[in-house]
Amino acid sequence: MRHIILLMLVMALVTVGGCAGLSPTEQTTLTGGAAGAAGGAVIGAIGGNAGLGAAIGAGAGLLGGFLYGEHQKSEQDAYERGVQEGYRRAQ
């Protein structure tokens, strides 16, 4: 049991370190996929098929994470356009 916990900790650290070079949308997509897979596996285990639950959850999480990342990106773009417009009007 101790080895499994250590392995999971190492995998979590590698995963977090691997996100350093990703764009915000890529990070939310990856996070959504991982969270969806974990949640789907738990629900699938209760229903009797953890693998199928993880696959469905990962797909839903990836889609949700991607859409959320794109939404954040569009908000940031709109903010930057507003700042630039404010600079133009002030001059």
C-alpha atoms as a PDB file:
ATOM      1  CA  MET A   1       0.000   0.000   0.000  1.00  0.00           C
ATOM      2  CA  ARG A   2       2.839   2.359   0.809  1.00  0.00           C
ATOM      3  CA  HIS A   3       4.348   1.820  -2.664  1.00  0.00           C
ATOM      4  CA  ILE A   4       1.055   2.618  -4.378  1.00  0.00           C
ATOM      5  CA  ILE A   5       0.695   5.890  -2.473  1.00  0.00           C
ATOM      6  CA  LEU A   6       4.293   6.831  -3.299  1.00  0.00           C
ATOM      7  CA  LEU A   7       3.734   5.999  -6.975  1.00  0.00           C
ATOM      8  CA  MET A   8       0.570   8.106  -7.067  1.00  0.00           C
ATOM      9  CA  LEU A   9       2.413  11.028  -5.440  1.00  0.00           C
ATOM     10  CA  VAL A  10       5.246  10.822  -7.982  1.00  0.00           C
ATOM     11  CA  MET A  11       2.759  10.659 -10.865  1.00  0.00           C
ATOM     12  CA  ALA A  12       0.911  13.715  -9.520  1.00  0.00           C
ATOM     13  CA  LEU A  13       4.150  15.706  -9.258  1.00  0.00           C
ATOM     14  CA  VAL A  14       5.192  14.765 -12.793  1.00  0.00           C
ATOM     15  CA  THR A  15       1.768  15.727 -14.108  1.00  0.00           C
ATOM     16  CA  VAL A  16       1.821  19.119 -12.397  1.00  0.00           C
ATOM     17  CA  GLY A  17       5.366  19.807 -13.590  1.00  0.00           C
ATOM     18  CA  GLY A  18       4.407  18.831 -17.124  1.00  0.00           C
ATOM     19  CA  CYS A  19       1.801  21.594 -17.295  1.00  0.00           C
ATOM     20  CA  ALA A  20       4.369  24.394 -17.068  1.00  0.00           C
ATOM     21  CA  GLY A  21       4.673  24.968 -20.824  1.00  0.00           C
ATOM     22  CA  LEU A  22       0.992  24.666 -21.700  1.00  0.00           C
ATOM     23  CA  SER A  23      -1.343  27.484 -22.656  1.00  0.00           C
ATOM     24  CA  PRO A  24      -4.220  28.249 -20.268  1.00  0.00           C
ATOM     25  CA  THR A  25      -6.694  26.500 -22.595  1.00  0.00           C
ATOM     26  CA  GLU A  26      -4.486  23.408 -22.759  1.00  0.00           C
ATOM     27  CA  GLN A  27      -4.181  23.412 -18.967  1.00  0.00           C
ATOM     28  CA  THR A  28      -7.950  23.596 -18.419  1.00  0.00           C
ATOM     29  CA  THR A  29      -8.507  20.888 -21.036  1.00  0.00           C
ATOM     30  CA  LEU A  30      -6.003  18.573 -19.346  1.00  0.00           C
ATOM     31  CA  THR A  31      -7.362  19.324 -15.883  1.00  0.00           C
ATOM     32  CA  GLY A  32     -10.928  18.746 -17.039  1.00  0.00           C
ATOM     33  CA  GLY A  33      -9.984  15.444 -18.631  1.00  0.00           C
ATOM     34  CA  ALA A  34      -8.186  14.227 -15.523  1.00  0.00           C
ATOM     35  CA  ALA A  35     -10.971  15.302 -13.191  1.00  0.00           C
ATOM     36  CA  GLY A  36     -13.593  13.813 -15.494  1.00  0.00           C
ATOM     37  CA  ALA A  37     -11.727  10.516 -15.684  1.00  0.00           C
ATOM     38  CA  ALA A  38     -11.408  10.345 -11.909  1.00  0.00           C
ATOM     39  CA  GLY A  39     -15.049  11.185 -11.343  1.00  0.00           C
ATOM     40  CA  GLY A  40     -16.166   8.829 -14.082  1.00  0.00           C
ATOM     41  CA  ALA A  41     -14.085   6.002 -12.641  1.00  0.00           C
ATOM     42  CA  VAL A  42     -15.681   6.448  -9.231  1.00  0.00           C
ATOM     43  CA  ILE A  43     -19.190   6.533 -10.666  1.00  0.00           C
ATOM     44  CA  GLY A  44     -18.368   3.652 -13.007  1.00  0.00           C
ATOM     45  CA  ALA A  45     -17.013   1.594 -10.117  1.00  0.00           C
ATOM     46  CA  ILE A  46     -20.287   2.060  -8.287  1.00  0.00           C
ATOM     47  CA  GLY A  47     -22.142   0.996 -11.444  1.00  0.00           C
ATOM     48  CA  GLY A  48     -19.823  -1.960 -12.056  1.00  0.00           C
ATOM     49  CA  ASN A  49     -17.566  -0.752 -14.900  1.00  0.00           C
ATOM     50  CA  ALA A  50     -14.875   1.699 -13.787  1.00  0.00           C
ATOM     51  CA  GLY A  51     -13.078   1.675 -17.154  1.00  0.00           C
ATOM     52  CA  LEU A  52     -16.118   2.736 -19.130  1.00  0.00           C
ATOM     53  CA  GLY A  53     -16.993   5.354 -16.535  1.00  0.00           C
ATOM     54  CA  ALA A  54     -13.453   6.760 -16.679  1.00  0.00           C
ATOM     55  CA  ALA A  55     -13.539   6.918 -20.478  1.00  0.00           C
ATOM     56  CA  ILE A  56     -16.879   8.704 -20.565  1.00  0.00           C
ATOM     57  CA  GLY A  57     -15.851  11.029 -17.746  1.00  0.00           C
ATOM     58  CA  ALA A  58     -12.548  11.844 -19.454  1.00  0.00           C
ATOM     59  CA  GLY A  59     -14.312  12.728 -22.692  1.00  0.00           C
ATOM     60  CA  ALA A  60     -16.835  14.937 -20.934  1.00  0.00           C
ATOM     61  CA  GLY A  61     -14.093  16.534 -18.837  1.00  0.00           C
ATOM     62  CA  LEU A  62     -11.907  17.227 -21.857  1.00  0.00           C
ATOM     63  CA  LEU A  63     -14.770  18.919 -23.665  1.00  0.00           C
ATOM     64  CA  GLY A  64     -15.782  20.916 -20.609  1.00  0.00           C
ATOM     65  CA  GLY A  65     -12.202  21.963 -19.885  1.00  0.00           C
ATOM     66  CA  PHE A  66     -11.645  23.027 -23.475  1.00  0.00           C
ATOM     67  CA  LEU A  67     -14.842  25.092 -23.570  1.00  0.00           C
ATOM     68  CA  TYR A  68     -13.996  26.738 -20.252  1.00  0.00           C
ATOM     69  CA  GLY A  69     -10.475  27.549 -21.487  1.00  0.00           C
ATOM     70  CA  GLU A  70     -11.834  29.106 -24.663  1.00  0.00           C
ATOM     71  CA  HIS A  71     -14.299  31.152 -22.612  1.00  0.00           C
ATOM     72  CA  GLN A  72     -11.469  32.462 -20.416  1.00  0.00           C
ATOM     73  CA  LYS A  73      -9.452  33.303 -23.517  1.00  0.00           C
ATOM     74  CA  SER A  74     -12.328  35.276 -25.058  1.00  0.00           C
ATOM     75  CA  GLU A  75     -12.829  37.196 -21.803  1.00  0.00           C
ATOM     76  CA  GLN A  76      -9.122  38.080 -21.695  1.00  0.00           C
ATOM     77  CA  ASP A  77      -9.185  39.173 -25.341  1.00  0.00           C
ATOM     78  CA  ALA A  78     -12.218  41.402 -24.690  1.00  0.00           C
ATOM     79  CA  TYR A  79     -10.505  42.923 -21.663  1.00  0.00           C
ATOM     80  CA  GLU A  80      -7.362  43.679 -23.654  1.00  0.00           C
ATOM     81  CA  ARG A  81      -9.415  45.269 -26.462  1.00  0.00           C
ATOM     82  CA  GLY A  82     -11.138  47.469 -23.897  1.00  0.00           C
ATOM     83  CA  VAL A  83      -7.831  48.559 -22.404  1.00  0.00           C
ATOM     84  CA  GLN A  84      -6.460  49.435 -25.834  1.00  0.00           C
ATOM     85  CA  GLU A  85      -9.621  51.373 -26.687  1.00  0.00           C
ATOM     86  CA  GLY A  86      -9.279  53.292 -23.431  1.00  0.00           C
ATOM     87  CA  TYR A  87      -5.675  54.192 -24.283  1.00  0.00           C
ATOM     88  CA  ARG A  88      -6.716  55.410 -27.715  1.00  0.00           C
ATOM     89  CA  ARG A  89      -9.488  57.595 -26.307  1.00  0.00           C
ATOM     90  CA  ALA A  90      -7.193  59.074 -23.646  1.00  0.00           C
ATOM     91  CA  GLN A  91      -4.716  60.342 -26.240  1.00  0.00           C
END
